[in-house]
Amino acid sequence: MRITEYLFPADPREFGKDPDYRFTLANERTFLSWIRTSLALVAGGLGAVVVLRDIRGVEILGIMVLALAFVTASTAFRRWSLNERAMRLDEPLPASNLPQITAIGVALIGVAAVVLLIIDSR
């Protein structure tokens, strides 16, 4: 399987039958929430690099935040697609690692920020 097929599965509307529209809309709202999270991470990553430019190593912090934004956005689409497909095929929803990935990523970024602030204060 190529990386593009993994990140961007086939159109889920090609499978099964239309589910109750409320489930489709709820799935879409969840997707949009993850996209908003990604946009906030992009703003935070760029903001850190621009506003905190006097702190040594802030570029690393900004890149970490931007990388997490990319992972969140690309995984959100995959999650939406796989959930939509499962609903159309009347199958259980697939498990998602996105909440765990985001939580661990934010925690690591927080630790990196503290380390950079300690190093910079010396």
PDB file of N, CA and C in Angstrom:
ATOM      1  N   MET A   1       0.845  -1.180   0.000  1.00  0.00           N
ATOM      2  CA  MET A   1       0.000   0.000   0.000  1.00  0.00           C
ATOM      3  C   MET A   1       0.891   1.244   0.000  1.00  0.00           C
ATOM      4  N   ARG A   2       0.634   2.144  -0.915  1.00  0.00           N
ATOM      5  CA  ARG A   2       1.399   3.386  -0.983  1.00  0.00           C
ATOM      6  C   ARG A   2       0.942   4.339   0.106  1.00  0.00           C
ATOM      7  N   ILE A   3       1.824   5.271   0.489  1.00  0.00           N
ATOM      8  CA  ILE A   3       1.525   6.210   1.576  1.00  0.00           C
ATOM      9  C   ILE A   3       0.300   7.057   1.246  1.00  0.00           C
ATOM     10  N   THR A   4       0.117   7.426  -0.031  1.00  0.00           N
ATOM     11  CA  THR A   4      -1.050   8.235  -0.386  1.00  0.00           C
ATOM     12  C   THR A   4      -2.345   7.448  -0.199  1.00  0.00           C
ATOM     13  N   GLU A   5      -2.309   6.151  -0.479  1.00  0.00           N
ATOM     14  CA  GLU A   5      -3.499   5.319  -0.282  1.00  0.00           C
ATOM     15  C   GLU A   5      -3.785   5.132   1.209  1.00  0.00           C
ATOM     16  N   TYR A   6      -2.726   5.117   2.010  1.00  0.00           N
ATOM     17  CA  TYR A   6      -2.901   4.971   3.456  1.00  0.00           C
ATOM     18  C   TYR A   6      -3.495   6.240   4.060  1.00  0.00           C
ATOM     19  N   LEU A   7      -2.927   7.387   3.679  1.00  0.00           N
ATOM     20  CA  LEU A   7      -3.408   8.660   4.231  1.00  0.00           C
ATOM     21  C   LEU A   7      -4.743   9.083   3.641  1.00  0.00           C
ATOM     22  N   PHE A   8      -4.959   8.769   2.370  1.00  0.00           N
ATOM     23  CA  PHE A   8      -6.171   9.201   1.686  1.00  0.00           C
ATOM     24  C   PHE A   8      -6.880   7.991   1.084  1.00  0.00           C
ATOM     25  N   PRO A   9      -7.647   7.268   1.899  1.00  0.00           N
ATOM     26  CA  PRO A   9      -8.358   6.080   1.398  1.00  0.00           C
ATOM     27  C   PRO A   9      -9.347   6.449   0.295  1.00  0.00           C
ATOM     28  N   ALA A  10      -9.812   5.431  -0.404  1.00  0.00           N
ATOM     29  CA  ALA A  10     -10.792   5.635  -1.480  1.00  0.00           C
ATOM     30  C   ALA A  10     -12.048   6.321  -0.933  1.00  0.00           C
ATOM     31  N   ASP A  11     -12.751   6.985  -1.821  1.00  0.00           N
ATOM     32  CA  ASP A  11     -13.983   7.682  -1.457  1.00  0.00           C
ATOM     33  C   ASP A  11     -14.943   6.709  -0.763  1.00  0.00           C
ATOM     34  N   PRO A  12     -15.292   6.966   0.497  1.00  0.00           N
ATOM     35  CA  PRO A  12     -16.157   6.023   1.218  1.00  0.00           C
ATOM     36  C   PRO A  12     -17.566   5.938   0.644  1.00  0.00           C
ATOM     37  N   ARG A  13     -17.967   6.931  -0.137  1.00  0.00           N
ATOM     38  CA  ARG A  13     -19.312   6.915  -0.713  1.00  0.00           C
ATOM     39  C   ARG A  13     -19.467   5.869  -1.805  1.00  0.00           C
ATOM     40  N   GLU A  14     -18.353   5.235  -2.181  1.00  0.00           N
ATOM     41  CA  GLU A  14     -18.402   4.172  -3.190  1.00  0.00           C
ATOM     42  C   GLU A  14     -18.797   2.829  -2.583  1.00  0.00           C
ATOM     43  N   PHE A  15     -18.960   2.769  -1.271  1.00  0.00           N
ATOM     44  CA  PHE A  15     -19.213   1.515  -0.580  1.00  0.00           C
ATOM     45  C   PHE A  15     -20.580   1.529   0.093  1.00  0.00           C
ATOM     46  N   GLY A  16     -21.209   0.376   0.172  1.00  0.00           N
ATOM     47  CA  GLY A  16     -22.418   0.179   0.964  1.00  0.00           C
ATOM     48  C   GLY A  16     -23.557   1.106   0.625  1.00  0.00           C
ATOM     49  N   LYS A  17     -24.370   1.352   1.651  1.00  0.00           N
ATOM     50  CA  LYS A  17     -25.551   2.202   1.483  1.00  0.00           C
ATOM     51  C   LYS A  17     -25.438   3.424   2.378  1.00  0.00           C
ATOM     52  N   ASP A  18     -26.210   4.441   2.037  1.00  0.00           N
ATOM     53  CA  ASP A  18     -26.179   5.680   2.815  1.00  0.00           C
ATOM     54  C   ASP A  18     -26.650   5.417   4.245  1.00  0.00           C
ATOM     55  N   PRO A  19     -25.848   5.832   5.243  1.00  0.00           N
ATOM     56  CA  PRO A  19     -26.296   5.689   6.627  1.00  0.00           C
ATOM     57  C   PRO A  19     -27.262   6.823   6.982  1.00  0.00           C
ATOM     58  N   ASP A  20     -27.824   6.752   8.153  1.00  0.00           N
ATOM     59  CA  ASP A  20     -28.654   7.847   8.660  1.00  0.00           C
ATOM     60  C   ASP A  20     -27.829   9.131   8.587  1.00  0.00           C
ATOM     61  N   TYR A  21     -28.391  10.172   8.015  1.00  0.00           N
ATOM     62  CA  TYR A  21     -27.639  11.408   7.790  1.00  0.00           C
ATOM     63  C   TYR A  21     -27.084  11.990   9.084  1.00  0.00           C
ATOM     64  N   ARG A  22     -27.728  11.733  10.210  1.00  0.00           N
ATOM     65  CA  ARG A  22     -27.239  12.273  11.486  1.00  0.00           C
ATOM     66  C   ARG A  22     -25.862  11.712  11.827  1.00  0.00           C
ATOM     67  N   PHE A  23     -25.634  10.450  11.502  1.00  0.00           N
ATOM     68  CA  PHE A  23     -24.326   9.850  11.772  1.00  0.00           C
ATOM     69  C   PHE A  23     -23.267  10.412  10.838  1.00  0.00           C
ATOM     70  N   THR A  24     -23.648  10.613   9.590  1.00  0.00           N
ATOM     71  CA  THR A  24     -22.719  11.205   8.631  1.00  0.00           C
ATOM     72  C   THR A  24     -22.341  12.619   9.061  1.00  0.00           C
ATOM     73  N   LEU A  25     -23.339  13.397   9.486  1.00  0.00           N
ATOM     74  CA  LEU A  25     -23.058  14.771   9.925  1.00  0.00           C
ATOM     75  C   LEU A  25     -22.224  14.793  11.204  1.00  0.00           C
ATOM     76  N   ALA A  26     -22.468  13.874  12.115  1.00  0.00           N
ATOM     77  CA  ALA A  26     -21.663  13.797  13.348  1.00  0.00           C
ATOM     78  C   ALA A  26     -20.216  13.439  13.002  1.00  0.00           C
ATOM     79  N   ASN A  27     -20.036  12.526  12.078  1.00  0.00           N
ATOM     80  CA  ASN A  27     -18.692  12.159  11.642  1.00  0.00           C
ATOM     81  C   ASN A  27     -17.998  13.364  11.010  1.00  0.00           C
ATOM     82  N   GLU A  28     -18.721  14.114  10.227  1.00  0.00           N
ATOM     83  CA  GLU A  28     -18.154  15.316   9.600  1.00  0.00           C
ATOM     84  C   GLU A  28     -17.791  16.367  10.642  1.00  0.00           C
ATOM     85  N   ARG A  29     -18.644  16.559  11.642  1.00  0.00           N
ATOM     86  CA  ARG A  29     -18.334  17.526  12.710  1.00  0.00           C
ATOM     87  C   ARG A  29     -17.068  17.135  13.460  1.00  0.00           C
ATOM     88  N   THR A  30     -16.907  15.843  13.703  1.00  0.00           N
ATOM     89  CA  THR A  30     -15.700  15.374  14.380  1.00  0.00           C
ATOM     90  C   THR A  30     -14.473  15.648  13.514  1.00  0.00           C
ATOM     91  N   PHE A  31     -14.584  15.374  12.234  1.00  0.00           N
ATOM     92  CA  PHE A  31     -13.487  15.673  11.308  1.00  0.00           C
ATOM     93  C   PHE A  31     -13.136  17.160  11.357  1.00  0.00           C
ATOM     94  N   LEU A  32     -14.152  18.005  11.299  1.00  0.00           N
ATOM     95  CA  LEU A  32     -13.897  19.445  11.320  1.00  0.00           C
ATOM     96  C   LEU A  32     -13.274  19.895  12.640  1.00  0.00           C
ATOM     97  N   SER A  33     -13.616  19.232  13.734  1.00  0.00           N
ATOM     98  CA  SER A  33     -12.987  19.552  15.025  1.00  0.00           C
ATOM     99  C   SER A  33     -11.492  19.245  14.992  1.00  0.00           C
ATOM    100  N   TRP A  34     -11.136  18.119  14.397  1.00  0.00           N
ATOM    101  CA  TRP A  34      -9.716  17.777  14.292  1.00  0.00           C
ATOM    102  C   TRP A  34      -9.001  18.754  13.365  1.00  0.00           C
ATOM    103  N   ILE A  35      -9.686  19.215  12.320  1.00  0.00           N
ATOM    104  CA  ILE A  35      -9.076  20.200  11.415  1.00  0.00           C
ATOM    105  C   ILE A  35      -8.871  21.528  12.152  1.00  0.00           C
ATOM    106  N   ARG A  36      -9.839  21.935  12.975  1.00  0.00           N
ATOM    107  CA  ARG A  36      -9.651  23.148  13.785  1.00  0.00           C
ATOM    108  C   ARG A  36      -8.466  22.994  14.725  1.00  0.00           C
ATOM    109  N   THR A  37      -8.316  21.818  15.300  1.00  0.00           N
ATOM    110  CA  THR A  37      -7.164  21.557  16.160  1.00  0.00           C
ATOM    111  C   THR A  37      -5.872  21.709  15.364  1.00  0.00           C
ATOM    112  N   SER A  38      -5.849  21.184  14.154  1.00  0.00           N
ATOM    113  CA  SER A  38      -4.669  21.309  13.293  1.00  0.00           C
ATOM    114  C   SER A  38      -4.370  22.771  12.970  1.00  0.00           C
ATOM    115  N   LEU A  39      -5.404  23.536  12.666  1.00  0.00           N
ATOM    116  CA  LEU A  39      -5.206  24.959  12.373  1.00  0.00           C
ATOM    117  C   LEU A  39      -4.649  25.700  13.582  1.00  0.00           C
ATOM    118  N   ALA A  40      -5.137  25.353  14.766  1.00  0.00           N
ATOM    119  CA  ALA A  40      -4.618  25.975  15.988  1.00  0.00           C
ATOM    120  C   ALA A  40      -3.146  25.610  16.190  1.00  0.00           C
ATOM    121  N   LEU A  41      -2.802  24.369  15.897  1.00  0.00           N
ATOM    122  CA  LEU A  41      -1.401  23.957  16.010  1.00  0.00           C
ATOM    123  C   LEU A  41      -0.522  24.692  14.994  1.00  0.00           C
ATOM    124  N   VAL A  42      -1.019  24.861  13.774  1.00  0.00           N
ATOM    125  CA  VAL A  42      -0.265  25.615  12.771  1.00  0.00           C
ATOM    126  C   VAL A  42      -0.029  27.047  13.270  1.00  0.00           C
ATOM    127  N   ALA A  43      -1.075  27.679  13.768  1.00  0.00           N
ATOM    128  CA  ALA A  43      -0.943  29.046  14.281  1.00  0.00           C
ATOM    129  C   ALA A  43       0.043  29.089  15.447  1.00  0.00           C
ATOM    130  N   GLY A  44      -0.034  28.103  16.331  1.00  0.00           N
ATOM    131  CA  GLY A  44       0.884  28.064  17.462  1.00  0.00           C
ATOM    132  C   GLY A  44       2.322  27.838  17.037  1.00  0.00           C
ATOM    133  N   GLY A  45       2.531  26.943  16.087  1.00  0.00           N
ATOM    134  CA  GLY A  45       3.886  26.677  15.615  1.00  0.00           C
ATOM    135  C   GLY A  45       4.505  27.884  14.935  1.00  0.00           C
ATOM    136  N   LEU A  46       3.742  28.506  14.048  1.00  0.00           N
ATOM    137  CA  LEU A  46       4.243  29.704  13.373  1.00  0.00           C
ATOM    138  C   LEU A  46       4.404  30.856  14.357  1.00  0.00           C
ATOM    139  N   GLY A  47       3.438  30.984  15.266  1.00  0.00           N
ATOM    140  CA  GLY A  47       3.515  32.044  16.280  1.00  0.00           C
ATOM    141  C   GLY A  47       4.727  31.894  17.175  1.00  0.00           C
ATOM    142  N   ALA A  48       5.034  30.668  17.558  1.00  0.00           N
ATOM    143  CA  ALA A  48       6.206  30.437  18.420  1.00  0.00           C
ATOM    144  C   ALA A  48       7.477  30.896  17.718  1.00  0.00           C
ATOM    145  N   VAL A  49       7.620  30.561  16.452  1.00  0.00           N
ATOM    146  CA  VAL A  49       8.830  30.917  15.715  1.00  0.00           C
ATOM    147  C   VAL A  49       8.925  32.433  15.531  1.00  0.00           C
ATOM    148  N   VAL A  50       7.801  33.083  15.267  1.00  0.00           N
ATOM    149  CA  VAL A  50       7.814  34.522  15.002  1.00  0.00           C
ATOM    150  C   VAL A  50       7.922  35.333  16.294  1.00  0.00           C
ATOM    151  N   VAL A  51       7.102  34.999  17.284  1.00  0.00           N
ATOM    152  CA  VAL A  51       7.038  35.803  18.504  1.00  0.00           C
ATOM    153  C   VAL A  51       8.204  35.513  19.448  1.00  0.00           C
ATOM    154  N   LEU A  52       8.612  34.257  19.520  1.00  0.00           N
ATOM    155  CA  LEU A  52       9.658  33.862  20.469  1.00  0.00           C
ATOM    156  C   LEU A  52      11.025  33.732  19.806  1.00  0.00           C
ATOM    157  N   ARG A  53      11.277  34.497  18.779  1.00  0.00           N
ATOM    158  CA  ARG A  53      12.508  34.315  18.004  1.00  0.00           C
ATOM    159  C   ARG A  53      13.773  34.568  18.815  1.00  0.00           C
ATOM    160  N   ASP A  54      13.668  35.246  19.957  1.00  0.00           N
ATOM    161  CA  ASP A  54      14.843  35.510  20.779  1.00  0.00           C
ATOM    162  C   ASP A  54      15.260  34.303  21.614  1.00  0.00           C
ATOM    163  N   ILE A  55      14.414  33.292  21.693  1.00  0.00           N
ATOM    164  CA  ILE A  55      14.725  32.101  22.484  1.00  0.00           C
ATOM    165  C   ILE A  55      15.481  31.109  21.605  1.00  0.00           C
ATOM    166  N   ARG A  56      16.629  30.653  22.114  1.00  0.00           N
ATOM    167  CA  ARG A  56      17.424  29.689  21.347  1.00  0.00           C
ATOM    168  C   ARG A  56      16.654  28.381  21.188  1.00  0.00           C
ATOM    169  N   GLY A  57      16.672  27.825  19.984  1.00  0.00           N
ATOM    170  CA  GLY A  57      16.044  26.540  19.720  1.00  0.00           C
ATOM    171  C   GLY A  57      14.552  26.588  19.471  1.00  0.00           C
ATOM    172  N   VAL A  58      13.974  27.763  19.421  1.00  0.00           N
ATOM    173  CA  VAL A  58      12.519  27.862  19.235  1.00  0.00           C
ATOM    174  C   VAL A  58      12.093  27.313  17.874  1.00  0.00           C
ATOM    175  N   GLU A  59      13.013  27.280  16.928  1.00  0.00           N
ATOM    176  CA  GLU A  59      12.691  26.717  15.615  1.00  0.00           C
ATOM    177  C   GLU A  59      12.337  25.235  15.738  1.00  0.00           C
ATOM    178  N   ILE A  60      13.052  24.548  16.610  1.00  0.00           N
ATOM    179  CA  ILE A  60      12.770  23.124  16.837  1.00  0.00           C
ATOM    180  C   ILE A  60      11.361  22.965  17.398  1.00  0.00           C
ATOM    181  N   LEU A  61      11.019  23.802  18.357  1.00  0.00           N
ATOM    182  CA  LEU A  61       9.679  23.759  18.945  1.00  0.00           C
ATOM    183  C   LEU A  61       8.617  24.030  17.881  1.00  0.00           C
ATOM    184  N   GLY A  62       8.849  25.037  17.057  1.00  0.00           N
ATOM    185  CA  GLY A  62       7.903  25.369  15.993  1.00  0.00           C
ATOM    186  C   GLY A  62       7.734  24.228  15.004  1.00  0.00           C
ATOM    187  N   ILE A  63       8.834  23.587  14.649  1.00  0.00           N
ATOM    188  CA  ILE A  63       8.765  22.458  13.717  1.00  0.00           C
ATOM    189  C   ILE A  63       8.010  21.294  14.346  1.00  0.00           C
ATOM    190  N   MET A  64       8.219  21.049  15.644  1.00  0.00           N
ATOM    191  CA  MET A  64       7.487  19.978  16.325  1.00  0.00           C
ATOM    192  C   MET A  64       5.978  20.232  16.279  1.00  0.00           C
ATOM    193  N   VAL A  65       5.592  21.476  16.547  1.00  0.00           N
ATOM    194  CA  VAL A  65       4.165  21.820  16.544  1.00  0.00           C
ATOM    195  C   VAL A  65       3.588  21.701  15.138  1.00  0.00           C
ATOM    196  N   LEU A  66       4.324  22.166  14.148  1.00  0.00           N
ATOM    197  CA  LEU A  66       3.852  22.069  12.763  1.00  0.00           C
ATOM    198  C   LEU A  66       3.771  20.618  12.305  1.00  0.00           C
ATOM    199  N   ALA A  67       4.702  19.791  12.730  1.00  0.00           N
ATOM    200  CA  ALA A  67       4.648  18.363  12.389  1.00  0.00           C
ATOM    201  C   ALA A  67       3.416  17.714  13.006  1.00  0.00           C
ATOM    202  N   LEU A  68       3.112  18.059  14.258  1.00  0.00           N
ATOM    203  CA  LEU A  68       1.914  17.522  14.898  1.00  0.00           C
ATOM    204  C   LEU A  68       0.658  18.004  14.170  1.00  0.00           C
ATOM    205  N   ALA A  69       0.667  19.238  13.689  1.00  0.00           N
ATOM    206  CA  ALA A  69      -0.473  19.752  12.915  1.00  0.00           C
ATOM    207  C   ALA A  69      -0.675  18.936  11.652  1.00  0.00           C
ATOM    208  N   PHE A  70       0.416  18.610  10.962  1.00  0.00           N
ATOM    209  CA  PHE A  70       0.322  17.795   9.748  1.00  0.00           C
ATOM    210  C   PHE A  70      -0.233  16.409  10.053  1.00  0.00           C
ATOM    211  N   VAL A  71       0.307  15.780  11.088  1.00  0.00           N
ATOM    212  CA  VAL A  71      -0.147  14.432  11.453  1.00  0.00           C
ATOM    213  C   VAL A  71      -1.626  14.457  11.825  1.00  0.00           C
ATOM    214  N   THR A  72      -2.029  15.453  12.587  1.00  0.00           N
ATOM    215  CA  THR A  72      -3.430  15.557  13.011  1.00  0.00           C
ATOM    216  C   THR A  72      -4.355  15.753  11.821  1.00  0.00           C
ATOM    217  N   ALA A  73      -3.999  16.654  10.925  1.00  0.00           N
ATOM    218  CA  ALA A  73      -4.861  16.921   9.764  1.00  0.00           C
ATOM    219  C   ALA A  73      -4.948  15.709   8.839  1.00  0.00           C
ATOM    220  N   SER A  74      -3.817  15.100   8.546  1.00  0.00           N
ATOM    221  CA  SER A  74      -3.850  13.967   7.614  1.00  0.00           C
ATOM    222  C   SER A  74      -4.529  12.756   8.242  1.00  0.00           C
ATOM    223  N   THR A  75      -4.325  12.535   9.513  1.00  0.00           N
ATOM    224  CA  THR A  75      -4.971  11.413  10.186  1.00  0.00           C
ATOM    225  C   THR A  75      -6.462  11.665  10.343  1.00  0.00           C
ATOM    226  N   ALA A  76      -6.857  12.915  10.510  1.00  0.00           N
ATOM    227  CA  ALA A  76      -8.280  13.244  10.649  1.00  0.00           C
ATOM    228  C   ALA A  76      -9.056  12.863   9.399  1.00  0.00           C
ATOM    229  N   PHE A  77      -8.472  13.145   8.239  1.00  0.00           N
ATOM    230  CA  PHE A  77      -9.165  12.771   7.001  1.00  0.00           C
ATOM    231  C   PHE A  77      -9.305  11.261   6.900  1.00  0.00           C
ATOM    232  N   ARG A  78      -8.221  10.561   7.205  1.00  0.00           N
ATOM    233  CA  ARG A  78      -8.252   9.102   7.149  1.00  0.00           C
ATOM    234  C   ARG A  78      -9.304   8.550   8.094  1.00  0.00           C
ATOM    235  N   ARG A  79      -9.352   9.126   9.298  1.00  0.00           N
ATOM    236  CA  ARG A  79     -10.331   8.670  10.299  1.00  0.00           C
ATOM    237  C   ARG A  79     -11.749   8.907   9.798  1.00  0.00           C
ATOM    238  N   TRP A  80     -12.013  10.100   9.246  1.00  0.00           N
ATOM    239  CA  TRP A  80     -13.343  10.406   8.716  1.00  0.00           C
ATOM    240  C   TRP A  80     -13.731   9.388   7.650  1.00  0.00           C
ATOM    241  N   SER A  81     -12.804   9.144   6.723  1.00  0.00           N
ATOM    242  CA  SER A  81     -13.084   8.250   5.608  1.00  0.00           C
ATOM    243  C   SER A  81     -13.366   6.821   6.081  1.00  0.00           C
ATOM    244  N   LEU A  82     -12.534   6.303   6.968  1.00  0.00           N
ATOM    245  CA  LEU A  82     -12.731   4.940   7.455  1.00  0.00           C
ATOM    246  C   LEU A  82     -14.013   4.810   8.278  1.00  0.00           C
ATOM    247  N   ASN A  83     -14.343   5.843   9.060  1.00  0.00           N
ATOM    248  CA  ASN A  83     -15.604   5.816   9.815  1.00  0.00           C
ATOM    249  C   ASN A  83     -16.802   5.839   8.873  1.00  0.00           C
ATOM    250  N   GLU A  84     -16.727   6.679   7.873  1.00  0.00           N
ATOM    251  CA  GLU A  84     -17.831   6.781   6.906  1.00  0.00           C
ATOM    252  C   GLU A  84     -18.024   5.448   6.188  1.00  0.00           C
ATOM    253  N   ARG A  85     -16.927   4.854   5.789  1.00  0.00           N
ATOM    254  CA  ARG A  85     -17.001   3.561   5.102  1.00  0.00           C
ATOM    255  C   ARG A  85     -17.610   2.494   6.017  1.00  0.00           C
ATOM    256  N   ALA A  86     -17.177   2.443   7.275  1.00  0.00           N
ATOM    257  CA  ALA A  86     -17.702   1.454   8.226  1.00  0.00           C
ATOM    258  C   ALA A  86     -19.203   1.653   8.433  1.00  0.00           C
ATOM    259  N   MET A  87     -19.651   2.893   8.541  1.00  0.00           N
ATOM    260  CA  MET A  87     -21.082   3.148   8.721  1.00  0.00           C
ATOM    261  C   MET A  87     -21.869   2.687   7.501  1.00  0.00           C
ATOM    262  N   ARG A  88     -21.321   2.922   6.323  1.00  0.00           N
ATOM    263  CA  ARG A  88     -22.007   2.523   5.091  1.00  0.00           C
ATOM    264  C   ARG A  88     -22.081   1.011   4.935  1.00  0.00           C
ATOM    265  N   LEU A  89     -21.098   0.310   5.490  1.00  0.00           N
ATOM    266  CA  LEU A  89     -21.076  -1.155   5.397  1.00  0.00           C
ATOM    267  C   LEU A  89     -21.668  -1.816   6.641  1.00  0.00           C
ATOM    268  N   ASP A  90     -22.199  -0.998   7.548  1.00  0.00           N
ATOM    269  CA  ASP A  90     -22.799  -1.487   8.799  1.00  0.00           C
ATOM    270  C   ASP A  90     -21.795  -2.336   9.593  1.00  0.00           C
ATOM    271  N   GLU A  91     -20.570  -1.830   9.687  1.00  0.00           N
ATOM    272  CA  GLU A  91     -19.507  -2.485  10.439  1.00  0.00           C
ATOM    273  C   GLU A  91     -19.165  -1.645  11.665  1.00  0.00           C
ATOM    274  N   PRO A  92     -18.477  -2.229  12.636  1.00  0.00           N
ATOM    275  CA  PRO A  92     -18.031  -1.431  13.795  1.00  0.00           C
ATOM    276  C   PRO A  92     -17.053  -0.348  13.340  1.00  0.00           C
ATOM    277  N   LEU A  93     -17.062   0.769  14.027  1.00  0.00           N
ATOM    278  CA  LEU A  93     -16.124   1.836  13.689  1.00  0.00           C
ATOM    279  C   LEU A  93     -14.707   1.392  14.027  1.00  0.00           C
ATOM    280  N   PRO A  94     -13.749   1.730  13.171  1.00  0.00           N
ATOM    281  CA  PRO A  94     -12.370   1.336  13.443  1.00  0.00           C
ATOM    282  C   PRO A  94     -11.785   2.136  14.608  1.00  0.00           C
ATOM    283  N   ALA A  95     -10.866   1.510  15.310  1.00  0.00           N
ATOM    284  CA  ALA A  95     -10.194   2.206  16.411  1.00  0.00           C
ATOM    285  C   ALA A  95      -9.335   3.330  15.840  1.00  0.00           C
ATOM    286  N   SER A  96      -9.147   4.365  16.644  1.00  0.00           N
ATOM    287  CA  SER A  96      -8.341   5.495  16.207  1.00  0.00           C
ATOM    288  C   SER A  96      -7.275   5.804  17.249  1.00  0.00           C
ATOM    289  N   ASN A  97      -6.067   6.056  16.770  1.00  0.00           N
ATOM    290  CA  ASN A  97      -4.968   6.468  17.639  1.00  0.00           C
ATOM    291  C   ASN A  97      -4.819   7.980  17.687  1.00  0.00           C
ATOM    292  N   LEU A  98      -5.661   8.709  16.968  1.00  0.00           N
ATOM    293  CA  LEU A  98      -5.507  10.154  16.865  1.00  0.00           C
ATOM    294  C   LEU A  98      -5.549  10.864  18.220  1.00  0.00           C
ATOM    295  N   PRO A  99      -6.484  10.551  19.123  1.00  0.00           N
ATOM    296  CA  PRO A  99      -6.450  11.233  20.419  1.00  0.00           C
ATOM    297  C   PRO A  99      -5.149  10.969  21.187  1.00  0.00           C
ATOM    298  N   GLN A 100      -4.667   9.741  21.139  1.00  0.00           N
ATOM    299  CA  GLN A 100      -3.427   9.396  21.840  1.00  0.00           C
ATOM    300  C   GLN A 100      -2.226  10.105  21.199  1.00  0.00           C
ATOM    301  N   ILE A 101      -2.171  10.110  19.882  1.00  0.00           N
ATOM    302  CA  ILE A 101      -1.076  10.781  19.177  1.00  0.00           C
ATOM    303  C   ILE A 101      -1.058  12.264  19.521  1.00  0.00           C
ATOM    304  N   THR A 102      -2.220  12.892  19.504  1.00  0.00           N
ATOM    305  CA  THR A 102      -2.306  14.323  19.792  1.00  0.00           C
ATOM    306  C   THR A 102      -1.903  14.607  21.233  1.00  0.00           C
ATOM    307  N   ALA A 103      -2.391  13.807  22.169  1.00  0.00           N
ATOM    308  CA  ALA A 103      -2.058  14.026  23.590  1.00  0.00           C
ATOM    309  C   ALA A 103      -0.558  13.865  23.832  1.00  0.00           C
ATOM    310  N   ILE A 104       0.032  12.807  23.290  1.00  0.00           N
ATOM    311  CA  ILE A 104       1.467  12.586  23.472  1.00  0.00           C
ATOM    312  C   ILE A 104       2.263  13.700  22.793  1.00  0.00           C
ATOM    313  N   GLY A 105       1.838  14.097  21.588  1.00  0.00           N
ATOM    314  CA  GLY A 105       2.524  15.174  20.873  1.00  0.00           C
ATOM    315  C   GLY A 105       2.497  16.479  21.640  1.00  0.00           C
ATOM    316  N   VAL A 106       1.337  16.842  22.170  1.00  0.00           N
ATOM    317  CA  VAL A 106       1.232  18.095  22.931  1.00  0.00           C
ATOM    318  C   VAL A 106       2.072  18.011  24.206  1.00  0.00           C
ATOM    319  N   ALA A 107       2.073  16.849  24.865  1.00  0.00           N
ATOM    320  CA  ALA A 107       2.888  16.678  26.070  1.00  0.00           C
ATOM    321  C   ALA A 107       4.372  16.832  25.747  1.00  0.00           C
ATOM    322  N   LEU A 108       4.827  16.216  24.666  1.00  0.00           N
ATOM    323  CA  LEU A 108       6.236  16.337  24.277  1.00  0.00           C
ATOM    324  C   LEU A 108       6.602  17.778  23.916  1.00  0.00           C
ATOM    325  N   ILE A 109       5.701  18.453  23.261  1.00  0.00           N
ATOM    326  CA  ILE A 109       5.944  19.858  22.911  1.00  0.00           C
ATOM    327  C   ILE A 109       6.018  20.705  24.175  1.00  0.00           C
ATOM    328  N   GLY A 110       5.160  20.404  25.137  1.00  0.00           N
ATOM    329  CA  GLY A 110       5.218  21.123  26.418  1.00  0.00           C
ATOM    330  C   GLY A 110       6.538  20.906  27.126  1.00  0.00           C
ATOM    331  N   VAL A 111       7.015  19.677  27.151  1.00  0.00           N
ATOM    332  CA  VAL A 111       8.312  19.376  27.772  1.00  0.00           C
ATOM    333  C   VAL A 111       9.432  20.103  27.023  1.00  0.00           C
ATOM    334  N   ALA A 112       9.387  20.076  25.705  1.00  0.00           N
ATOM    335  CA  ALA A 112      10.404  20.767  24.908  1.00  0.00           C
ATOM    336  C   ALA A 112      10.389  22.268  25.181  1.00  0.00           C
ATOM    337  N   ALA A 113       9.205  22.839  25.334  1.00  0.00           N
ATOM    338  CA  ALA A 113       9.098  24.276  25.622  1.00  0.00           C
ATOM    339  C   ALA A 113       9.727  24.608  26.974  1.00  0.00           C
ATOM    340  N   VAL A 114       9.461  23.779  27.965  1.00  0.00           N
ATOM    341  CA  VAL A 114      10.046  24.013  29.296  1.00  0.00           C
ATOM    342  C   VAL A 114      11.570  23.911  29.231  1.00  0.00           C
ATOM    343  N   VAL A 115      12.072  22.895  28.538  1.00  0.00           N
ATOM    344  CA  VAL A 115      13.525  22.728  28.405  1.00  0.00           C
ATOM    345  C   VAL A 115      14.140  23.939  27.715  1.00  0.00           C
ATOM    346  N   LEU A 116      13.515  24.405  26.649  1.00  0.00           N
ATOM    347  CA  LEU A 116      14.039  25.582  25.946  1.00  0.00           C
ATOM    348  C   LEU A 116      14.029  26.821  26.834  1.00  0.00           C
ATOM    349  N   LEU A 117      12.976  26.987  27.625  1.00  0.00           N
ATOM    350  CA  LEU A 117      12.920  28.143  28.522  1.00  0.00           C
ATOM    351  C   LEU A 117      13.988  28.068  29.598  1.00  0.00           C
ATOM    352  N   ILE A 118      14.254  26.867  30.112  1.00  0.00           N
ATOM    353  CA  ILE A 118      15.300  26.708  31.126  1.00  0.00           C
ATOM    354  C   ILE A 118      16.667  26.987  30.513  1.00  0.00           C
ATOM    355  N   ILE A 119      16.922  26.451  29.343  1.00  0.00           N
ATOM    356  CA  ILE A 119      18.197  26.680  28.680  1.00  0.00           C
ATOM    357  C   ILE A 119      18.393  28.153  28.366  1.00  0.00           C
ATOM    358  N   ASP A 120      17.327  28.801  27.912  1.00  0.00           N
ATOM    359  CA  ASP A 120      17.417  30.215  27.529  1.00  0.00           C
ATOM    360  C   ASP A 120      17.608  31.140  28.738  1.00  0.00           C
ATOM    361  N   SER A 121      17.127  30.721  29.903  1.00  0.00           N
ATOM    362  CA  SER A 121      17.220  31.600  31.087  1.00  0.00           C
ATOM    363  C   SER A 121      18.625  31.605  31.686  1.00  0.00           C
ATOM    364  N   ARG A 122      19.504  30.718  31.229  1.00  0.00           N
ATOM    365  CA  ARG A 122      20.868  30.666  31.770  1.00  0.00           C
ATOM    366  C   ARG A 122      21.762  31.667  31.117  1.00  0.00           C
TER     367      ARG A 122
END
